[in-house]
Amino acid sequence: MSDENRHVAFICSKGNLDMAYPALVMGWAALGNGIDVTIFFTFWGMDLINKNRVDHLEIAPVGNTSMKMTMMGVKTGNLGIPNALGVFPGMTAFATKLMKDKMEKLEVPPVREYMQMLVDAGAKLYACKMSVDMMDLSMDDFVEGVEAIVTASDFMDMTDGAQIIFI
């Protein structure tokens, strides 16, 4: 058995509230098991580290065929939210509030707090240079804890031998 630590790397490409948590939860579990964690944010995943967006992530019911009202805390049997209803004004805000309330009830930290917990525990956070350039962002736009803006090639070098999970 090698003395070298295991390493897992997450690529976060989506900025929806429901897509923020998989890397956060799995990253926290990995750190708790002594596994090194690197998270690379690209495209809309940049919203998770953008200090002006991180507290305003939403979950849109349009196009989310797996969204169940019961999962969101509404007792309706096993019905989903029909996509047609998702286009009505207020549905995104409604779904977002239901999810945030459910997460708070389960004592799941908000995304910004969860991100800081990961950084404090040793996770490494990086922003994708191409996405930063496309979106006219800079290090000043990011939450505390983002270590650098790196290219995809840099990320591949940094995570050589790591298990890579794309979200």
N, C-alpha and C. Protein backbone atom coordinates (compact mmCIF):
# COMPACT_ATOMS: atom_id res chain seq x y z
N MET A 1 0.84 -1.18 0.00
CA MET A 1 0.00 0.00 0.00
C MET A 1 0.88 1.24 0.00
N SER A 2 0.55 2.21 -0.80
CA SER A 2 1.34 3.43 -0.96
C SER A 2 1.14 4.35 0.23
N ASP A 3 2.19 5.12 0.55
CA ASP A 3 2.08 6.13 1.60
C ASP A 3 1.44 7.41 1.06
N GLU A 4 1.30 7.48 -0.26
CA GLU A 4 0.74 8.67 -0.88
C GLU A 4 -0.76 8.75 -0.61
N ASN A 5 -1.27 9.98 -0.34
CA ASN A 5 -2.69 10.18 -0.11
C ASN A 5 -3.50 9.96 -1.38
N ARG A 6 -4.69 9.45 -1.22
CA ARG A 6 -5.63 9.40 -2.33
C ARG A 6 -6.02 10.83 -2.67
N HIS A 7 -6.46 11.04 -3.89
CA HIS A 7 -6.81 12.38 -4.34
C HIS A 7 -8.05 12.30 -5.22
N VAL A 8 -9.02 13.16 -4.95
CA VAL A 8 -10.22 13.25 -5.78
C VAL A 8 -10.34 14.70 -6.26
N ALA A 9 -10.75 14.85 -7.50
CA ALA A 9 -10.93 16.18 -8.09
C ALA A 9 -12.33 16.27 -8.67
N PHE A 10 -13.00 17.35 -8.36
CA PHE A 10 -14.35 17.59 -8.88
C PHE A 10 -14.28 18.72 -9.89
N ILE A 11 -14.99 18.57 -10.99
CA ILE A 11 -15.14 19.64 -11.97
C ILE A 11 -16.59 20.10 -11.86
N CYS A 12 -16.79 21.32 -11.39
CA CYS A 12 -18.14 21.87 -11.24
C CYS A 12 -18.45 22.77 -12.43
N SER A 13 -19.42 22.36 -13.25
CA SER A 13 -19.74 23.08 -14.48
C SER A 13 -21.13 23.71 -14.45
N LYS A 14 -21.86 23.51 -13.39
CA LYS A 14 -23.23 24.02 -13.33
C LYS A 14 -23.41 24.93 -12.12
N GLY A 15 -24.21 25.97 -12.29
CA GLY A 15 -24.39 26.96 -11.23
C GLY A 15 -25.75 26.92 -10.56
N ASN A 16 -26.50 25.84 -10.75
CA ASN A 16 -27.81 25.72 -10.09
C ASN A 16 -27.61 25.30 -8.64
N LEU A 17 -28.54 25.69 -7.79
CA LEU A 17 -28.46 25.34 -6.38
C LEU A 17 -28.36 23.83 -6.17
N ASP A 18 -29.16 23.07 -6.90
CA ASP A 18 -29.14 21.61 -6.72
C ASP A 18 -27.86 20.97 -7.25
N MET A 19 -27.14 21.66 -8.13
CA MET A 19 -25.89 21.12 -8.66
C MET A 19 -24.68 21.58 -7.86
N ALA A 20 -24.88 22.47 -6.90
CA ALA A 20 -23.78 22.92 -6.05
C ALA A 20 -23.43 21.86 -5.02
N TYR A 21 -24.41 21.19 -4.49
CA TYR A 21 -24.19 20.31 -3.34
C TYR A 21 -23.46 18.99 -3.61
N PRO A 22 -23.59 18.35 -4.76
CA PRO A 22 -22.87 17.08 -4.92
C PRO A 22 -21.38 17.17 -4.65
N ALA A 23 -20.69 18.15 -5.22
CA ALA A 23 -19.25 18.27 -4.99
C ALA A 23 -18.95 18.68 -3.55
N LEU A 24 -19.80 19.51 -2.97
CA LEU A 24 -19.57 19.95 -1.59
C LEU A 24 -19.71 18.79 -0.60
N VAL A 25 -20.77 18.04 -0.75
CA VAL A 25 -21.03 16.90 0.15
C VAL A 25 -19.96 15.81 -0.04
N MET A 26 -19.69 15.46 -1.30
CA MET A 26 -18.70 14.41 -1.55
C MET A 26 -17.29 14.88 -1.19
N GLY A 27 -17.00 16.16 -1.42
CA GLY A 27 -15.70 16.70 -1.04
C GLY A 27 -15.50 16.66 0.46
N TRP A 28 -16.54 17.00 1.20
CA TRP A 28 -16.47 16.97 2.68
C TRP A 28 -16.26 15.54 3.17
N ALA A 29 -16.98 14.61 2.56
CA ALA A 29 -16.82 13.19 2.95
C ALA A 29 -15.41 12.72 2.63
N ALA A 30 -14.88 13.12 1.48
CA ALA A 30 -13.51 12.72 1.11
C ALA A 30 -12.50 13.27 2.11
N LEU A 31 -12.62 14.55 2.43
CA LEU A 31 -11.69 15.15 3.41
C LEU A 31 -11.76 14.41 4.74
N GLY A 32 -12.97 14.04 5.15
CA GLY A 32 -13.16 13.31 6.40
C GLY A 32 -12.51 11.94 6.38
N ASN A 33 -12.28 11.42 5.18
CA ASN A 33 -11.62 10.12 5.03
C ASN A 33 -10.15 10.25 4.67
N GLY A 34 -9.62 11.46 4.85
CA GLY A 34 -8.20 11.67 4.60
C GLY A 34 -7.81 11.75 3.13
N ILE A 35 -8.77 12.01 2.27
CA ILE A 35 -8.52 12.09 0.83
C ILE A 35 -8.33 13.55 0.45
N ASP A 36 -7.28 13.86 -0.32
CA ASP A 36 -7.06 15.22 -0.79
C ASP A 36 -8.16 15.59 -1.79
N VAL A 37 -8.61 16.86 -1.72
CA VAL A 37 -9.72 17.32 -2.56
C VAL A 37 -9.32 18.58 -3.33
N THR A 38 -9.57 18.53 -4.64
CA THR A 38 -9.40 19.69 -5.51
C THR A 38 -10.72 19.91 -6.24
N ILE A 39 -11.15 21.18 -6.32
CA ILE A 39 -12.39 21.49 -7.04
C ILE A 39 -12.07 22.56 -8.08
N PHE A 40 -12.45 22.27 -9.32
CA PHE A 40 -12.21 23.14 -10.48
C PHE A 40 -13.57 23.65 -10.95
N PHE A 41 -13.73 24.96 -11.01
CA PHE A 41 -15.01 25.57 -11.39
C PHE A 41 -14.90 26.12 -12.81
N THR A 42 -15.83 25.72 -13.67
CA THR A 42 -15.80 26.13 -15.06
C THR A 42 -17.22 26.45 -15.53
N PHE A 43 -17.33 27.20 -16.59
CA PHE A 43 -18.59 27.63 -17.17
C PHE A 43 -19.53 28.13 -16.07
N TRP A 44 -20.77 27.64 -16.01
CA TRP A 44 -21.74 28.19 -15.04
C TRP A 44 -21.40 27.78 -13.62
N GLY A 45 -20.53 26.81 -13.45
CA GLY A 45 -20.06 26.45 -12.11
C GLY A 45 -19.33 27.60 -11.43
N MET A 46 -18.91 28.59 -12.22
CA MET A 46 -18.25 29.78 -11.66
C MET A 46 -19.17 30.52 -10.69
N ASP A 47 -20.50 30.37 -10.86
CA ASP A 47 -21.44 31.01 -9.94
C ASP A 47 -21.22 30.55 -8.50
N LEU A 48 -20.73 29.34 -8.31
CA LEU A 48 -20.53 28.80 -6.96
C LEU A 48 -19.41 29.50 -6.22
N ILE A 49 -18.49 30.12 -6.96
CA ILE A 49 -17.38 30.82 -6.31
C ILE A 49 -17.42 32.32 -6.55
N ASN A 50 -18.39 32.79 -7.32
CA ASN A 50 -18.53 34.22 -7.58
C ASN A 50 -19.23 34.85 -6.38
N LYS A 51 -18.53 35.74 -5.68
CA LYS A 51 -19.09 36.28 -4.44
C LYS A 51 -20.39 37.06 -4.65
N ASN A 52 -20.67 37.50 -5.89
CA ASN A 52 -21.93 38.18 -6.16
C ASN A 52 -23.05 37.22 -6.54
N ARG A 53 -22.74 35.96 -6.79
CA ARG A 53 -23.75 34.98 -7.20
C ARG A 53 -23.98 33.87 -6.18
N VAL A 54 -22.96 33.51 -5.40
CA VAL A 54 -23.02 32.31 -4.55
C VAL A 54 -24.22 32.30 -3.61
N ASP A 55 -24.65 33.45 -3.14
CA ASP A 55 -25.79 33.49 -2.21
C ASP A 55 -27.13 33.61 -2.93
N HIS A 56 -27.11 33.58 -4.26
CA HIS A 56 -28.33 33.76 -5.05
C HIS A 56 -28.54 32.64 -6.05
N LEU A 57 -28.00 31.47 -5.77
CA LEU A 57 -28.18 30.32 -6.66
C LEU A 57 -29.64 29.89 -6.61
N GLU A 58 -30.15 29.40 -7.74
CA GLU A 58 -31.55 29.01 -7.84
C GLU A 58 -31.68 27.59 -8.38
N ILE A 59 -32.88 27.07 -8.26
CA ILE A 59 -33.19 25.78 -8.86
C ILE A 59 -34.42 26.00 -9.74
N ALA A 60 -34.24 25.81 -11.03
CA ALA A 60 -35.32 26.05 -11.98
C ALA A 60 -36.06 24.74 -12.28
N PRO A 61 -37.38 24.74 -12.13
CA PRO A 61 -38.15 23.52 -12.44
C PRO A 61 -38.24 23.24 -13.94
N VAL A 62 -38.06 24.24 -14.80
CA VAL A 62 -38.14 24.03 -16.24
C VAL A 62 -36.98 23.14 -16.68
N GLY A 63 -37.30 22.07 -17.37
CA GLY A 63 -36.28 21.16 -17.88
C GLY A 63 -35.75 20.19 -16.83
N ASN A 64 -36.23 20.27 -15.61
CA ASN A 64 -35.78 19.38 -14.54
C ASN A 64 -36.85 18.32 -14.34
N THR A 65 -36.83 17.32 -15.19
CA THR A 65 -37.89 16.30 -15.20
C THR A 65 -37.90 15.43 -13.95
N SER A 66 -36.83 15.45 -13.19
CA SER A 66 -36.77 14.61 -11.99
C SER A 66 -37.25 15.33 -10.74
N MET A 67 -37.58 16.61 -10.85
CA MET A 67 -37.98 17.36 -9.66
C MET A 67 -39.33 16.87 -9.17
N LYS A 68 -39.35 16.41 -7.96
CA LYS A 68 -40.59 15.93 -7.33
C LYS A 68 -41.01 16.92 -6.25
N MET A 69 -42.27 17.24 -6.23
CA MET A 69 -42.79 18.15 -5.21
C MET A 69 -42.56 17.59 -3.82
N THR A 70 -42.69 16.26 -3.66
CA THR A 70 -42.49 15.68 -2.34
C THR A 70 -41.06 15.85 -1.86
N MET A 71 -40.11 15.79 -2.79
CA MET A 71 -38.72 16.00 -2.43
C MET A 71 -38.53 17.41 -1.89
N MET A 72 -39.31 18.34 -2.42
CA MET A 72 -39.18 19.73 -2.03
C MET A 72 -40.04 20.08 -0.81
N GLY A 73 -40.69 19.08 -0.23
CA GLY A 73 -41.44 19.31 1.00
C GLY A 73 -42.93 19.50 0.82
N VAL A 74 -43.43 19.43 -0.39
CA VAL A 74 -44.86 19.60 -0.64
C VAL A 74 -45.47 18.21 -0.74
N LYS A 75 -46.48 17.95 0.06
CA LYS A 75 -47.11 16.63 0.11
C LYS A 75 -48.13 16.49 -1.02
N THR A 76 -47.71 15.82 -2.12
CA THR A 76 -48.60 15.64 -3.27
C THR A 76 -48.56 14.22 -3.79
N GLY A 77 -48.12 13.29 -2.98
CA GLY A 77 -47.92 11.95 -3.49
C GLY A 77 -46.57 11.90 -4.17
N ASN A 78 -46.49 11.24 -5.31
CA ASN A 78 -45.21 11.11 -6.02
C ASN A 78 -45.25 11.89 -7.34
N LEU A 79 -45.91 13.04 -7.33
CA LEU A 79 -46.04 13.82 -8.55
C LEU A 79 -44.82 14.69 -8.78
N GLY A 80 -44.48 14.88 -10.02
CA GLY A 80 -43.43 15.83 -10.38
C GLY A 80 -44.06 17.18 -10.68
N ILE A 81 -43.22 18.19 -10.83
CA ILE A 81 -43.72 19.48 -11.27
C ILE A 81 -43.76 19.42 -12.79
N PRO A 82 -44.92 19.50 -13.39
CA PRO A 82 -44.95 19.48 -14.86
C PRO A 82 -44.11 20.63 -15.41
N ASN A 83 -43.31 20.35 -16.44
CA ASN A 83 -42.46 21.39 -17.02
C ASN A 83 -43.25 22.62 -17.44
N ALA A 84 -44.46 22.44 -17.90
CA ALA A 84 -45.26 23.58 -18.34
C ALA A 84 -45.50 24.57 -17.20
N LEU A 85 -45.64 24.07 -15.97
CA LEU A 85 -45.85 24.97 -14.83
C LEU A 85 -44.59 25.77 -14.50
N GLY A 86 -43.43 25.25 -14.86
CA GLY A 86 -42.18 25.92 -14.54
C GLY A 86 -42.01 27.27 -15.20
N VAL A 87 -42.75 27.52 -16.27
CA VAL A 87 -42.62 28.79 -16.98
C VAL A 87 -43.43 29.92 -16.33
N PHE A 88 -44.30 29.57 -15.41
CA PHE A 88 -45.10 30.62 -14.75
C PHE A 88 -44.21 31.47 -13.85
N PRO A 89 -44.49 32.76 -13.80
CA PRO A 89 -43.70 33.65 -12.94
C PRO A 89 -43.71 33.16 -11.48
N GLY A 90 -42.55 33.16 -10.89
CA GLY A 90 -42.43 32.79 -9.49
C GLY A 90 -42.10 31.34 -9.22
N MET A 91 -42.17 30.48 -10.25
CA MET A 91 -41.91 29.04 -10.01
C MET A 91 -40.45 28.77 -9.62
N THR A 92 -39.51 29.47 -10.24
CA THR A 92 -38.10 29.27 -9.86
C THR A 92 -37.88 29.73 -8.42
N ALA A 93 -38.44 30.88 -8.07
CA ALA A 93 -38.31 31.38 -6.69
C ALA A 93 -38.97 30.41 -5.71
N PHE A 94 -40.13 29.87 -6.09
CA PHE A 94 -40.85 28.91 -5.25
C PHE A 94 -40.02 27.65 -5.03
N ALA A 95 -39.51 27.06 -6.11
CA ALA A 95 -38.70 25.85 -6.00
C ALA A 95 -37.43 26.10 -5.21
N THR A 96 -36.81 27.26 -5.43
CA THR A 96 -35.58 27.61 -4.71
C THR A 96 -35.86 27.74 -3.21
N LYS A 97 -36.93 28.42 -2.85
CA LYS A 97 -37.27 28.59 -1.43
C LYS A 97 -37.56 27.24 -0.78
N LEU A 98 -38.30 26.37 -1.47
CA LEU A 98 -38.59 25.06 -0.91
C LEU A 98 -37.30 24.28 -0.64
N MET A 99 -36.36 24.31 -1.60
CA MET A 99 -35.11 23.58 -1.41
C MET A 99 -34.28 24.18 -0.29
N LYS A 100 -34.18 25.51 -0.24
CA LYS A 100 -33.40 26.16 0.82
C LYS A 100 -34.00 25.87 2.19
N ASP A 101 -35.32 25.90 2.29
CA ASP A 101 -35.98 25.58 3.56
C ASP A 101 -35.70 24.14 3.99
N LYS A 102 -35.78 23.23 3.02
CA LYS A 102 -35.52 21.81 3.31
C LYS A 102 -34.07 21.62 3.77
N MET A 103 -33.13 22.26 3.09
CA MET A 103 -31.71 22.15 3.45
C MET A 103 -31.47 22.73 4.85
N GLU A 104 -32.10 23.87 5.13
CA GLU A 104 -31.94 24.49 6.45
C GLU A 104 -32.50 23.58 7.55
N LYS A 105 -33.65 22.98 7.29
CA LYS A 105 -34.26 22.06 8.26
C LYS A 105 -33.34 20.87 8.54
N LEU A 106 -32.61 20.43 7.51
CA LEU A 106 -31.67 19.31 7.66
C LEU A 106 -30.30 19.77 8.18
N GLU A 107 -30.20 21.08 8.45
CA GLU A 107 -28.97 21.70 8.96
C GLU A 107 -27.80 21.56 7.98
N VAL A 108 -28.11 21.63 6.69
CA VAL A 108 -27.09 21.63 5.65
C VAL A 108 -26.65 23.08 5.47
N PRO A 109 -25.37 23.36 5.57
CA PRO A 109 -24.92 24.75 5.44
C PRO A 109 -25.21 25.32 4.05
N PRO A 110 -25.42 26.64 3.98
CA PRO A 110 -25.55 27.28 2.67
C PRO A 110 -24.26 27.10 1.88
N VAL A 111 -24.32 27.27 0.57
CA VAL A 111 -23.18 27.00 -0.31
C VAL A 111 -21.93 27.77 0.11
N ARG A 112 -22.05 29.07 0.37
CA ARG A 112 -20.88 29.87 0.75
C ARG A 112 -20.22 29.31 2.01
N GLU A 113 -21.01 28.99 3.01
CA GLU A 113 -20.48 28.45 4.26
C GLU A 113 -19.84 27.07 4.04
N TYR A 114 -20.50 26.24 3.24
CA TYR A 114 -19.98 24.90 2.95
C TYR A 114 -18.63 25.01 2.25
N MET A 115 -18.55 25.94 1.30
CA MET A 115 -17.31 26.16 0.56
C MET A 115 -16.18 26.55 1.53
N GLN A 116 -16.49 27.43 2.48
CA GLN A 116 -15.47 27.86 3.45
C GLN A 116 -15.06 26.70 4.35
N MET A 117 -16.00 25.86 4.73
CA MET A 117 -15.68 24.68 5.53
C MET A 117 -14.68 23.80 4.78
N LEU A 118 -14.92 23.60 3.48
CA LEU A 118 -14.01 22.78 2.67
C LEU A 118 -12.62 23.39 2.62
N VAL A 119 -12.55 24.69 2.38
CA VAL A 119 -11.25 25.37 2.33
C VAL A 119 -10.54 25.25 3.67
N ASP A 120 -11.26 25.49 4.75
CA ASP A 120 -10.68 25.40 6.10
C ASP A 120 -10.15 24.00 6.39
N ALA A 121 -10.77 22.99 5.78
CA ALA A 121 -10.35 21.60 6.01
C ALA A 121 -9.27 21.15 5.02
N GLY A 122 -8.89 22.03 4.08
CA GLY A 122 -7.78 21.71 3.20
C GLY A 122 -8.09 21.50 1.73
N ALA A 123 -9.34 21.66 1.33
CA ALA A 123 -9.68 21.53 -0.10
C ALA A 123 -9.04 22.67 -0.87
N LYS A 124 -8.68 22.39 -2.11
CA LYS A 124 -8.09 23.38 -3.00
C LYS A 124 -9.12 23.76 -4.06
N LEU A 125 -9.39 25.06 -4.20
CA LEU A 125 -10.37 25.56 -5.16
C LEU A 125 -9.68 26.34 -6.26
N TYR A 126 -10.07 26.08 -7.51
CA TYR A 126 -9.47 26.75 -8.66
C TYR A 126 -10.55 27.18 -9.64
N ALA A 127 -10.34 28.34 -10.28
CA ALA A 127 -11.22 28.83 -11.33
C ALA A 127 -10.59 28.55 -12.69
N CYS A 128 -11.43 28.22 -13.65
CA CYS A 128 -11.00 27.93 -15.02
C CYS A 128 -10.67 29.23 -15.76
N LYS A 129 -9.46 29.31 -16.28
CA LYS A 129 -9.01 30.53 -16.97
C LYS A 129 -9.88 30.87 -18.16
N MET A 130 -10.22 29.88 -18.99
CA MET A 130 -11.04 30.17 -20.15
C MET A 130 -12.40 30.76 -19.74
N SER A 131 -13.03 30.17 -18.71
CA SER A 131 -14.32 30.68 -18.25
C SER A 131 -14.18 32.06 -17.63
N VAL A 132 -13.11 32.28 -16.88
CA VAL A 132 -12.85 33.60 -16.28
C VAL A 132 -12.74 34.64 -17.39
N ASP A 133 -11.98 34.32 -18.42
CA ASP A 133 -11.81 35.25 -19.54
C ASP A 133 -13.12 35.48 -20.29
N MET A 134 -13.89 34.42 -20.53
CA MET A 134 -15.17 34.55 -21.22
C MET A 134 -16.15 35.44 -20.46
N MET A 135 -16.11 35.35 -19.14
CA MET A 135 -17.08 36.06 -18.30
C MET A 135 -16.52 37.37 -17.74
N ASP A 136 -15.34 37.76 -18.20
CA ASP A 136 -14.70 39.01 -17.74
C ASP A 136 -14.60 39.07 -16.21
N LEU A 137 -14.14 37.99 -15.61
CA LEU A 137 -13.98 37.93 -14.15
C LEU A 137 -12.50 38.04 -13.79
N SER A 138 -12.24 38.22 -12.51
CA SER A 138 -10.88 38.24 -11.99
C SER A 138 -10.90 37.65 -10.58
N MET A 139 -9.76 37.48 -9.98
CA MET A 139 -9.68 36.93 -8.62
C MET A 139 -10.51 37.75 -7.63
N ASP A 140 -10.66 39.05 -7.88
CA ASP A 140 -11.45 39.91 -6.99
C ASP A 140 -12.92 39.53 -6.96
N ASP A 141 -13.38 38.80 -7.98
CA ASP A 141 -14.79 38.40 -8.06
C ASP A 141 -15.11 37.15 -7.25
N PHE A 142 -14.08 36.48 -6.75
CA PHE A 142 -14.30 35.17 -6.14
C PHE A 142 -14.34 35.20 -4.62
N VAL A 143 -15.03 34.22 -4.05
CA VAL A 143 -15.09 34.06 -2.60
C VAL A 143 -13.69 33.75 -2.07
N GLU A 144 -13.51 34.02 -0.82
CA GLU A 144 -12.24 33.71 -0.17
C GLU A 144 -11.99 32.21 -0.24
N GLY A 145 -10.76 31.86 -0.54
CA GLY A 145 -10.41 30.44 -0.59
C GLY A 145 -10.07 29.94 -1.97
N VAL A 146 -10.49 30.67 -3.01
CA VAL A 146 -10.10 30.29 -4.37
C VAL A 146 -8.61 30.59 -4.49
N GLU A 147 -7.83 29.57 -4.80
CA GLU A 147 -6.38 29.72 -4.79
C GLU A 147 -5.82 30.41 -6.02
N ALA A 148 -6.39 30.11 -7.18
CA ALA A 148 -5.83 30.67 -8.41
C ALA A 148 -6.78 30.45 -9.57
N ILE A 149 -6.47 31.15 -10.64
CA ILE A 149 -7.12 30.93 -11.93
C ILE A 149 -6.14 30.09 -12.73
N VAL A 150 -6.58 28.92 -13.19
CA VAL A 150 -5.67 28.00 -13.89
C VAL A 150 -6.29 27.52 -15.19
N THR A 151 -5.44 27.10 -16.10
CA THR A 151 -5.92 26.53 -17.36
C THR A 151 -6.35 25.09 -17.13
N ALA A 152 -7.09 24.56 -18.09
CA ALA A 152 -7.48 23.16 -18.02
C ALA A 152 -6.24 22.26 -17.98
N SER A 153 -5.23 22.64 -18.72
CA SER A 153 -3.97 21.88 -18.73
C SER A 153 -3.31 21.89 -17.34
N ASP A 154 -3.30 23.07 -16.70
CA ASP A 154 -2.76 23.16 -15.34
C ASP A 154 -3.52 22.23 -14.39
N PHE A 155 -4.86 22.26 -14.52
CA PHE A 155 -5.69 21.42 -13.67
C PHE A 155 -5.36 19.94 -13.87
N MET A 156 -5.18 19.54 -15.12
CA MET A 156 -4.84 18.14 -15.40
C MET A 156 -3.50 17.78 -14.77
N ASP A 157 -2.53 18.67 -14.84
CA ASP A 157 -1.23 18.42 -14.21
C ASP A 157 -1.37 18.32 -12.69
N MET A 158 -2.16 19.22 -12.10
CA MET A 158 -2.34 19.24 -10.65
C MET A 158 -3.02 17.99 -10.12
N THR A 159 -3.85 17.40 -10.96
CA THR A 159 -4.67 16.28 -10.49
C THR A 159 -4.24 14.95 -11.10
N ASP A 160 -3.00 14.89 -11.58
CA ASP A 160 -2.47 13.66 -12.15
C ASP A 160 -2.63 12.51 -11.16
N GLY A 161 -3.28 11.46 -11.57
CA GLY A 161 -3.50 10.29 -10.71
C GLY A 161 -4.74 10.38 -9.84
N ALA A 162 -5.43 11.53 -9.85
CA ALA A 162 -6.62 11.69 -9.01
C ALA A 162 -7.83 11.05 -9.68
N GLN A 163 -8.79 10.69 -8.88
CA GLN A 163 -10.10 10.30 -9.40
C GLN A 163 -10.81 11.59 -9.76
N ILE A 164 -11.28 11.75 -10.99
CA ILE A 164 -11.92 12.98 -11.43
C ILE A 164 -13.41 12.73 -11.61
N ILE A 165 -14.20 13.62 -11.01
CA ILE A 165 -15.67 13.52 -11.07
C ILE A 165 -16.21 14.80 -11.68
N PHE A 166 -16.95 14.67 -12.78
CA PHE A 166 -17.51 15.81 -13.49
C PHE A 166 -18.96 16.01 -13.06
N ILE A 167 -19.27 17.21 -12.61
CA ILE A 167 -20.63 17.53 -12.16
C ILE A 167 -21.15 18.70 -12.98
